[in-house]
Amino acid sequence: SDLLITHPKPTLSQLPKYYESDEYISHTDGNQTL
């Protein structure tokens, strides 16, 4: 398929911790840094 797959793939219960960051900009309206 020419698809790249992330390994190991986080489980559904693990995934939320990888989004716990103020730098994840699409979840905020941050307008402070360049």
PDB file of all heavy atoms in Angstrom:
ATOM      1  N   SER A   1       0.806  -1.226   0.000  1.00  0.00           N
ATOM      2  CA  SER A   1       0.000   0.000   0.000  1.00  0.00           C
ATOM      3  C   SER A   1       0.834   1.270   0.000  1.00  0.00           C
ATOM      4  O   SER A   1       0.289   2.360  -0.161  1.00  0.00           O
ATOM      5  CB  SER A   1      -0.907   0.021   1.227  1.00  0.00           C
ATOM      6  OG  SER A   1      -0.123   0.045   2.415  1.00  0.00           O
ATOM      7  N   ASP A   2       2.149   1.156   0.205  1.00  0.00           N
ATOM      8  CA  ASP A   2       3.037   2.313   0.325  1.00  0.00           C
ATOM      9  C   ASP A   2       2.728   3.125   1.585  1.00  0.00           C
ATOM     10  O   ASP A   2       2.980   4.325   1.651  1.00  0.00           O
ATOM     11  CB  ASP A   2       2.932   3.209  -0.916  1.00  0.00           C
ATOM     12  CG  ASP A   2       4.205   4.008  -1.182  1.00  0.00           C
ATOM     13  OD1 ASP A   2       5.301   3.519  -0.844  1.00  0.00           O
ATOM     14  OD2 ASP A   2       4.095   5.120  -1.724  1.00  0.00           O
ATOM     15  N   LEU A   3       2.174   2.467   2.578  1.00  0.00           N
ATOM     16  CA  LEU A   3       1.786   3.099   3.836  1.00  0.00           C
ATOM     17  C   LEU A   3       2.872   2.881   4.884  1.00  0.00           C
ATOM     18  O   LEU A   3       3.415   1.787   5.005  1.00  0.00           O
ATOM     19  CB  LEU A   3       0.469   2.489   4.329  1.00  0.00           C
ATOM     20  CG  LEU A   3      -0.124   3.028   5.632  1.00  0.00           C
ATOM     21  CD1 LEU A   3      -0.715   4.414   5.408  1.00  0.00           C
ATOM     22  CD2 LEU A   3      -1.210   2.072   6.151  1.00  0.00           C
ATOM     23  N   LEU A   4       3.174   3.937   5.660  1.00  0.00           N
ATOM     24  CA  LEU A   4       4.058   3.793   6.805  1.00  0.00           C
ATOM     25  C   LEU A   4       3.215   3.623   8.059  1.00  0.00           C
ATOM     26  O   LEU A   4       2.197   4.304   8.235  1.00  0.00           O
ATOM     27  CB  LEU A   4       4.955   5.020   6.965  1.00  0.00           C
ATOM     28  CG  LEU A   4       5.955   5.314   5.853  1.00  0.00           C
ATOM     29  CD1 LEU A   4       6.808   6.532   6.213  1.00  0.00           C
ATOM     30  CD2 LEU A   4       6.845   4.118   5.564  1.00  0.00           C
ATOM     31  N   ILE A   5       3.644   2.721   8.938  1.00  0.00           N
ATOM     32  CA  ILE A   5       2.896   2.386  10.141  1.00  0.00           C
ATOM     33  C   ILE A   5       3.783   2.621  11.356  1.00  0.00           C
ATOM     34  O   ILE A   5       4.925   2.164  11.403  1.00  0.00           O
ATOM     35  CB  ILE A   5       2.451   0.914  10.110  1.00  0.00           C
ATOM     36  CG1 ILE A   5       1.609   0.647   8.858  1.00  0.00           C
ATOM     37  CG2 ILE A   5       1.674   0.550  11.378  1.00  0.00           C
ATOM     38  CD1 ILE A   5       1.374  -0.822   8.588  1.00  0.00           C
ATOM     39  N   THR A   6       3.276   3.373  12.323  1.00  0.00           N
ATOM     40  CA  THR A   6       4.020   3.640  13.554  1.00  0.00           C
ATOM     41  C   THR A   6       4.068   2.387  14.419  1.00  0.00           C
ATOM     42  O   THR A   6       3.049   1.755  14.670  1.00  0.00           O
ATOM     43  CB  THR A   6       3.361   4.785  14.339  1.00  0.00           C
ATOM     44  OG1 THR A   6       3.402   5.980  13.552  1.00  0.00           O
ATOM     45  CG2 THR A   6       4.069   5.028  15.661  1.00  0.00           C
ATOM     46  N   HIS A   7       5.278   2.064  14.870  1.00  0.00           N
ATOM     47  CA  HIS A   7       5.469   0.890  15.734  1.00  0.00           C
ATOM     48  C   HIS A   7       6.385   1.255  16.910  1.00  0.00           C
ATOM     49  O   HIS A   7       7.401   1.914  16.710  1.00  0.00           O
ATOM     50  CB  HIS A   7       6.092  -0.251  14.923  1.00  0.00           C
ATOM     51  CG  HIS A   7       6.382  -1.474  15.754  1.00  0.00           C
ATOM     52  ND1 HIS A   7       5.397  -2.376  16.099  1.00  0.00           N
ATOM     53  CD2 HIS A   7       7.527  -1.916  16.329  1.00  0.00           C
ATOM     54  CE1 HIS A   7       5.933  -3.326  16.828  1.00  0.00           C
ATOM     55  NE2 HIS A   7       7.218  -3.081  16.987  1.00  0.00           N
ATOM     56  N   PRO A   8       6.027   0.869  18.149  1.00  0.00           N
ATOM     57  CA  PRO A   8       4.770   0.198  18.498  1.00  0.00           C
ATOM     58  C   PRO A   8       3.597   1.167  18.444  1.00  0.00           C
ATOM     59  O   PRO A   8       3.758   2.357  18.730  1.00  0.00           O
ATOM     60  CB  PRO A   8       5.026  -0.294  19.916  1.00  0.00           C
ATOM     61  CG  PRO A   8       6.032   0.661  20.472  1.00  0.00           C
ATOM     62  CD  PRO A   8       6.911   1.037  19.321  1.00  0.00           C
ATOM     63  N   LYS A   9       2.450   0.646  18.094  1.00  0.00           N
ATOM     64  CA  LYS A   9       1.234   1.463  18.014  1.00  0.00           C
ATOM     65  C   LYS A   9       0.639   1.597  19.401  1.00  0.00           C
ATOM     66  O   LYS A   9       0.321   0.590  20.035  1.00  0.00           O
ATOM     67  CB  LYS A   9       0.235   0.792  17.064  1.00  0.00           C
ATOM     68  CG  LYS A   9      -1.088   1.508  16.915  1.00  0.00           C
ATOM     69  CD  LYS A   9      -1.995   0.693  16.010  1.00  0.00           C
ATOM     70  CE  LYS A   9      -3.397   1.264  15.937  1.00  0.00           C
ATOM     71  NZ  LYS A   9      -4.297   0.423  15.098  1.00  0.00           N
ATOM     72  N   PRO A  10       0.497   2.819  19.926  1.00  0.00           N
ATOM     73  CA  PRO A  10      -0.100   2.981  21.263  1.00  0.00           C
ATOM     74  C   PRO A  10      -1.519   2.424  21.313  1.00  0.00           C
ATOM     75  O   PRO A  10      -2.254   2.478  20.328  1.00  0.00           O
ATOM     76  CB  PRO A  10      -0.115   4.507  21.462  1.00  0.00           C
ATOM     77  CG  PRO A  10       0.916   5.031  20.520  1.00  0.00           C
ATOM     78  CD  PRO A  10       0.885   4.112  19.337  1.00  0.00           C
ATOM     79  N   THR A  11      -1.878   1.895  22.455  1.00  0.00           N
ATOM     80  CA  THR A  11      -3.244   1.426  22.639  1.00  0.00           C
ATOM     81  C   THR A  11      -4.168   2.632  22.808  1.00  0.00           C
ATOM     82  O   THR A  11      -3.717   3.767  23.022  1.00  0.00           O
ATOM     83  CB  THR A  11      -3.362   0.532  23.881  1.00  0.00           C
ATOM     84  OG1 THR A  11      -3.064   1.322  25.043  1.00  0.00           O
ATOM     85  CG2 THR A  11      -2.378  -0.637  23.805  1.00  0.00           C
ATOM     86  N   LEU A  12      -5.462   2.392  22.721  1.00  0.00           N
ATOM     87  CA  LEU A  12      -6.427   3.478  22.889  1.00  0.00           C
ATOM     88  C   LEU A  12      -6.299   4.137  24.257  1.00  0.00           C
ATOM     89  O   LEU A  12      -6.491   5.355  24.394  1.00  0.00           O
ATOM     90  CB  LEU A  12      -7.847   2.945  22.697  1.00  0.00           C
ATOM     91  CG  LEU A  12      -8.238   2.555  21.268  1.00  0.00           C
ATOM     92  CD1 LEU A  12      -9.648   1.965  21.246  1.00  0.00           C
ATOM     93  CD2 LEU A  12      -8.145   3.751  20.328  1.00  0.00           C
ATOM     94  N   SER A  13      -5.971   3.352  25.270  1.00  0.00           N
ATOM     95  CA  SER A  13      -5.833   3.916  26.614  1.00  0.00           C
ATOM     96  C   SER A  13      -4.535   4.706  26.761  1.00  0.00           C
ATOM     97  O   SER A  13      -4.440   5.607  27.588  1.00  0.00           O
ATOM     98  CB  SER A  13      -5.888   2.801  27.668  1.00  0.00           C
ATOM     99  OG  SER A  13      -4.818   1.877  27.487  1.00  0.00           O
ATOM    100  N   GLN A  14      -3.521   4.380  25.960  1.00  0.00           N
ATOM    101  CA  GLN A  14      -2.236   5.081  26.030  1.00  0.00           C
ATOM    102  C   GLN A  14      -2.237   6.386  25.242  1.00  0.00           C
ATOM    103  O   GLN A  14      -1.522   7.330  25.596  1.00  0.00           O
ATOM    104  CB  GLN A  14      -1.120   4.180  25.494  1.00  0.00           C
ATOM    105  CG  GLN A  14      -0.801   2.976  26.354  1.00  0.00           C
ATOM    106  CD  GLN A  14       0.156   2.021  25.655  1.00  0.00           C
ATOM    107  OE1 GLN A  14       0.226   1.962  24.426  1.00  0.00           O
ATOM    108  NE2 GLN A  14       0.907   1.264  26.457  1.00  0.00           N
ATOM    109  N   LEU A  15      -3.016   6.454  24.180  1.00  0.00           N
ATOM    110  CA  LEU A  15      -2.940   7.598  23.260  1.00  0.00           C
ATOM    111  C   LEU A  15      -3.108   8.964  23.922  1.00  0.00           C
ATOM    112  O   LEU A  15      -2.363   9.895  23.604  1.00  0.00           O
ATOM    113  CB  LEU A  15      -3.971   7.439  22.140  1.00  0.00           C
ATOM    114  CG  LEU A  15      -3.528   6.644  20.912  1.00  0.00           C
ATOM    115  CD1 LEU A  15      -4.704   6.428  19.968  1.00  0.00           C
ATOM    116  CD2 LEU A  15      -2.395   7.357  20.188  1.00  0.00           C
ATOM    117  N   PRO A  16      -4.071   9.150  24.851  1.00  0.00           N
ATOM    118  CA  PRO A  16      -4.280  10.495  25.399  1.00  0.00           C
ATOM    119  C   PRO A  16      -3.037  11.132  26.012  1.00  0.00           C
ATOM    120  O   PRO A  16      -2.850  12.347  25.914  1.00  0.00           O
ATOM    121  CB  PRO A  16      -5.372  10.274  26.448  1.00  0.00           C
ATOM    122  CG  PRO A  16      -6.128   9.093  25.954  1.00  0.00           C
ATOM    123  CD  PRO A  16      -5.088   8.205  25.331  1.00  0.00           C
ATOM    124  N   LYS A  17      -2.155  10.347  26.626  1.00  0.00           N
ATOM    125  CA  LYS A  17      -0.987  10.937  27.285  1.00  0.00           C
ATOM    126  C   LYS A  17      -0.038  11.593  26.290  1.00  0.00           C
ATOM    127  O   LYS A  17       0.713  12.511  26.651  1.00  0.00           O
ATOM    128  CB  LYS A  17      -0.241   9.885  28.106  1.00  0.00           C
ATOM    129  CG  LYS A  17       0.568   8.880  27.295  1.00  0.00           C
ATOM    130  CD  LYS A  17       1.345   7.929  28.198  1.00  0.00           C
ATOM    131  CE  LYS A  17       2.247   7.000  27.380  1.00  0.00           C
ATOM    132  NZ  LYS A  17       3.017   6.087  28.240  1.00  0.00           N
ATOM    133  N   TYR A  18      -0.078  11.147  25.032  1.00  0.00           N
ATOM    134  CA  TYR A  18       0.819  11.724  24.027  1.00  0.00           C
ATOM    135  C   TYR A  18       0.312  13.066  23.487  1.00  0.00           C
ATOM    136  O   TYR A  18       1.008  13.731  22.729  1.00  0.00           O
ATOM    137  CB  TYR A  18       1.019  10.737  22.875  1.00  0.00           C
ATOM    138  CG  TYR A  18       1.770   9.493  23.290  1.00  0.00           C
ATOM    139  CD1 TYR A  18       1.113   8.269  23.421  1.00  0.00           C
ATOM    140  CD2 TYR A  18       3.130   9.532  23.573  1.00  0.00           C
ATOM    141  CE1 TYR A  18       1.789   7.127  23.804  1.00  0.00           C
ATOM    142  CE2 TYR A  18       3.817   8.394  23.963  1.00  0.00           C
ATOM    143  CZ  TYR A  18       3.151   7.203  24.076  1.00  0.00           C
ATOM    144  OH  TYR A  18       3.826   6.069  24.462  1.00  0.00           O
ATOM    145  N   TYR A  19      -0.892  13.436  23.877  1.00  0.00           N
ATOM    146  CA  TYR A  19      -1.448  14.735  23.477  1.00  0.00           C
ATOM    147  C   TYR A  19      -1.387  15.746  24.627  1.00  0.00           C
ATOM    148  O   TYR A  19      -1.836  16.883  24.467  1.00  0.00           O
ATOM    149  CB  TYR A  19      -2.899  14.576  23.026  1.00  0.00           C
ATOM    150  CG  TYR A  19      -3.060  13.865  21.703  1.00  0.00           C
ATOM    151  CD1 TYR A  19      -3.116  12.482  21.635  1.00  0.00           C
ATOM    152  CD2 TYR A  19      -3.142  14.577  20.510  1.00  0.00           C
ATOM    153  CE1 TYR A  19      -3.264  11.820  20.427  1.00  0.00           C
ATOM    154  CE2 TYR A  19      -3.294  13.929  19.294  1.00  0.00           C
ATOM    155  CZ  TYR A  19      -3.354  12.549  19.261  1.00  0.00           C
ATOM    156  OH  TYR A  19      -3.495  11.900  18.061  1.00  0.00           O
ATOM    157  N   GLU A  20      -0.850  15.331  25.767  1.00  0.00           N
ATOM    158  CA  GLU A  20      -0.826  16.198  26.946  1.00  0.00           C
ATOM    159  C   GLU A  20       0.369  17.145  26.881  1.00  0.00           C
ATOM    160  O   GLU A  20       1.401  16.942  27.514  1.00  0.00           O
ATOM    161  CB  GLU A  20      -0.774  15.342  28.217  1.00  0.00           C
ATOM    162  CG  GLU A  20      -2.046  14.544  28.452  1.00  0.00           C
ATOM    163  CD  GLU A  20      -1.929  13.592  29.615  1.00  0.00           C
ATOM    164  OE1 GLU A  20      -0.835  13.551  30.235  1.00  0.00           O
ATOM    165  OE2 GLU A  20      -2.899  12.878  29.909  1.00  0.00           O
ATOM    166  N   SER A  21       0.206  18.185  26.082  1.00  0.00           N
ATOM    167  CA  SER A  21       1.276  19.165  25.914  1.00  0.00           C
ATOM    168  C   SER A  21       0.687  20.502  25.506  1.00  0.00           C
ATOM    169  O   SER A  21      -0.197  20.566  24.648  1.00  0.00           O
ATOM    170  CB  SER A  21       2.273  18.692  24.844  1.00  0.00           C
ATOM    171  OG  SER A  21       3.197  19.711  24.530  1.00  0.00           O
ATOM    172  N   ASP A  22       1.190  21.568  26.108  1.00  0.00           N
ATOM    173  CA  ASP A  22       0.754  22.911  25.719  1.00  0.00           C
ATOM    174  C   ASP A  22       1.221  23.255  24.313  1.00  0.00           C
ATOM    175  O   ASP A  22       0.746  24.206  23.700  1.00  0.00           O
ATOM    176  CB  ASP A  22       1.312  23.955  26.697  1.00  0.00           C
ATOM    177  CG  ASP A  22       0.689  23.818  28.081  1.00  0.00           C
ATOM    178  OD1 ASP A  22      -0.425  23.262  28.164  1.00  0.00           O
ATOM    179  OD2 ASP A  22       1.325  24.254  29.053  1.00  0.00           O
ATOM    180  N   GLU A  23       2.194  22.482  23.800  1.00  0.00           N
ATOM    181  CA  GLU A  23       2.726  22.754  22.478  1.00  0.00           C
ATOM    182  C   GLU A  23       1.869  22.155  21.376  1.00  0.00           C
ATOM    183  O   GLU A  23       2.131  22.377  20.198  1.00  0.00           O
ATOM    184  CB  GLU A  23       4.159  22.205  22.361  1.00  0.00           C
ATOM    185  CG  GLU A  23       5.153  22.920  23.272  1.00  0.00           C
ATOM    186  CD  GLU A  23       6.571  22.413  23.087  1.00  0.00           C
ATOM    187  OE1 GLU A  23       6.781  21.578  22.181  1.00  0.00           O
ATOM    188  OE2 GLU A  23       7.457  22.855  23.830  1.00  0.00           O
ATOM    189  N   TYR A  24       0.843  21.362  21.759  1.00  0.00           N
ATOM    190  CA  TYR A  24      -0.010  20.789  20.719  1.00  0.00           C
ATOM    191  C   TYR A  24      -0.970  21.877  20.252  1.00  0.00           C
ATOM    192  O   TYR A  24      -2.069  22.052  20.761  1.00  0.00           O
ATOM    193  CB  TYR A  24      -0.744  19.545  21.209  1.00  0.00           C
ATOM    194  CG  TYR A  24      -1.097  18.649  20.047  1.00  0.00           C
ATOM    195  CD1 TYR A  24      -0.096  17.953  19.367  1.00  0.00           C
ATOM    196  CD2 TYR A  24      -2.389  18.555  19.578  1.00  0.00           C
ATOM    197  CE1 TYR A  24      -0.397  17.167  18.267  1.00  0.00           C
ATOM    198  CE2 TYR A  24      -2.690  17.773  18.480  1.00  0.00           C
ATOM    199  CZ  TYR A  24      -1.698  17.080  17.834  1.00  0.00           C
ATOM    200  OH  TYR A  24      -1.987  16.323  16.728  1.00  0.00           O
ATOM    201  N   ILE A  25      -0.528  22.611  19.248  1.00  0.00           N
ATOM    202  CA  ILE A  25      -1.073  23.926  18.922  1.00  0.00           C
ATOM    203  C   ILE A  25      -2.487  23.877  18.340  1.00  0.00           C
ATOM    204  O   ILE A  25      -3.262  24.815  18.505  1.00  0.00           O
ATOM    205  CB  ILE A  25      -0.102  24.656  17.955  1.00  0.00           C
ATOM    206  CG1 ILE A  25      -0.407  26.145  17.917  1.00  0.00           C
ATOM    207  CG2 ILE A  25      -0.141  24.039  16.571  1.00  0.00           C
ATOM    208  CD1 ILE A  25       0.692  26.940  17.243  1.00  0.00           C
ATOM    209  N   SER A  26      -2.861  22.777  17.677  1.00  0.00           N
ATOM    210  CA  SER A  26      -4.194  22.723  17.076  1.00  0.00           C
ATOM    211  C   SER A  26      -5.297  22.624  18.118  1.00  0.00           C
ATOM    212  O   SER A  26      -6.474  22.782  17.798  1.00  0.00           O
ATOM    213  CB  SER A  26      -4.289  21.533  16.113  1.00  0.00           C
ATOM    214  OG  SER A  26      -4.188  20.313  16.800  1.00  0.00           O
ATOM    215  N   HIS A  27      -4.930  22.380  19.390  1.00  0.00           N
ATOM    216  CA  HIS A  27      -5.930  22.298  20.460  1.00  0.00           C
ATOM    217  C   HIS A  27      -6.051  23.611  21.234  1.00  0.00           C
ATOM    218  O   HIS A  27      -6.750  23.678  22.238  1.00  0.00           O
ATOM    219  CB  HIS A  27      -5.556  21.164  21.438  1.00  0.00           C
ATOM    220  CG  HIS A  27      -5.777  19.802  20.848  1.00  0.00           C
ATOM    221  ND1 HIS A  27      -5.291  18.647  21.421  1.00  0.00           N
ATOM    222  CD2 HIS A  27      -6.456  19.414  19.733  1.00  0.00           C
ATOM    223  CE1 HIS A  27      -5.644  17.605  20.681  1.00  0.00           C
ATOM    224  NE2 HIS A  27      -6.357  18.050  19.655  1.00  0.00           N
ATOM    225  N   THR A  28      -5.368  24.648  20.781  1.00  0.00           N
ATOM    226  CA  THR A  28      -5.414  25.928  21.482  1.00  0.00           C
ATOM    227  C   THR A  28      -5.563  27.055  20.475  1.00  0.00           C
ATOM    228  O   THR A  28      -5.450  26.862  19.270  1.00  0.00           O
ATOM    229  CB  THR A  28      -4.120  26.167  22.290  1.00  0.00           C
ATOM    230  OG1 THR A  28      -3.052  26.505  21.390  1.00  0.00           O
ATOM    231  CG2 THR A  28      -3.735  24.944  23.103  1.00  0.00           C
ATOM    232  N   ASP A  29      -5.800  28.255  20.991  1.00  0.00           N
ATOM    233  CA  ASP A  29      -5.765  29.466  20.167  1.00  0.00           C
ATOM    234  C   ASP A  29      -4.532  30.284  20.520  1.00  0.00           C
ATOM    235  O   ASP A  29      -4.538  31.516  20.455  1.00  0.00           O
ATOM    236  CB  ASP A  29      -7.034  30.298  20.388  1.00  0.00           C
ATOM    237  CG  ASP A  29      -8.231  29.701  19.675  1.00  0.00           C
ATOM    238  OD1 ASP A  29      -8.031  28.980  18.682  1.00  0.00           O
ATOM    239  OD2 ASP A  29      -9.372  29.956  20.112  1.00  0.00           O
ATOM    240  N   GLY A  30      -3.455  29.602  20.922  1.00  0.00           N
ATOM    241  CA  GLY A  30      -2.220  30.273  21.342  1.00  0.00           C
ATOM    242  C   GLY A  30      -1.705  31.246  20.297  1.00  0.00           C
ATOM    243  O   GLY A  30      -1.690  30.946  19.103  1.00  0.00           O
ATOM    244  N   ASN A  31      -1.263  32.411  20.757  1.00  0.00           N
ATOM    245  CA  ASN A  31      -0.773  33.437  19.847  1.00  0.00           C
ATOM    246  C   ASN A  31       0.356  34.232  20.517  1.00  0.00           C
ATOM    247  O   ASN A  31       0.447  35.455  20.372  1.00  0.00           O
ATOM    248  CB  ASN A  31      -1.918  34.369  19.435  1.00  0.00           C
ATOM    249  CG  ASN A  31      -1.587  35.183  18.206  1.00  0.00           C
ATOM    250  OD1 ASN A  31      -0.707  34.833  17.428  1.00  0.00           O
ATOM    251  ND2 ASN A  31      -2.290  36.299  18.036  1.00  0.00           N
ATOM    252  N   GLN A  32       1.224  33.521  21.259  1.00  0.00           N
ATOM    253  CA  GLN A  32       2.282  34.184  22.020  1.00  0.00           C
ATOM    254  C   GLN A  32       3.652  34.032  21.355  1.00  0.00           C
ATOM    255  O   GLN A  32       4.331  35.016  21.089  1.00  0.00           O
ATOM    256  CB  GLN A  32       2.325  33.622  23.448  1.00  0.00           C
ATOM    257  CG  GLN A  32       1.032  33.822  24.221  1.00  0.00           C
ATOM    258  CD  GLN A  32       0.646  35.286  24.372  1.00  0.00           C
ATOM    259  OE1 GLN A  32       1.491  36.121  24.713  1.00  0.00           O
ATOM    260  NE2 GLN A  32      -0.617  35.603  24.110  1.00  0.00           N
ATOM    261  N   THR A  33       4.064  32.787  21.087  1.00  0.00           N
ATOM    262  CA  THR A  33       5.376  32.566  20.484  1.00  0.00           C
ATOM    263  C   THR A  33       5.321  32.881  18.994  1.00  0.00           C
ATOM    264  O   THR A  33       4.234  32.970  18.390  1.00  0.00           O
ATOM    265  CB  THR A  33       5.835  31.118  20.680  1.00  0.00           C
ATOM    266  OG1 THR A  33       4.995  30.255  19.887  1.00  0.00           O
ATOM    267  CG2 THR A  33       5.736  30.703  22.149  1.00  0.00           C
ATOM    268  N   LEU A  34       6.495  33.018  18.385  1.00  0.00           N
ATOM    269  CA  LEU A  34       6.549  33.312  16.955  1.00  0.00           C
ATOM    270  C   LEU A  34       5.923  32.183  16.148  1.00  0.00           C
ATOM    271  O   LEU A  34       5.180  32.426  15.185  1.00  0.00           O
ATOM    272  CB  LEU A  34       8.000  33.543  16.512  1.00  0.00           C
ATOM    273  CG  LEU A  34       8.188  33.894  15.028  1.00  0.00           C
ATOM    274  CD1 LEU A  34       7.395  35.139  14.667  1.00  0.00           C
ATOM    275  CD2 LEU A  34       9.670  34.096  14.715  1.00  0.00           C
TER     276      LEU A  34
END
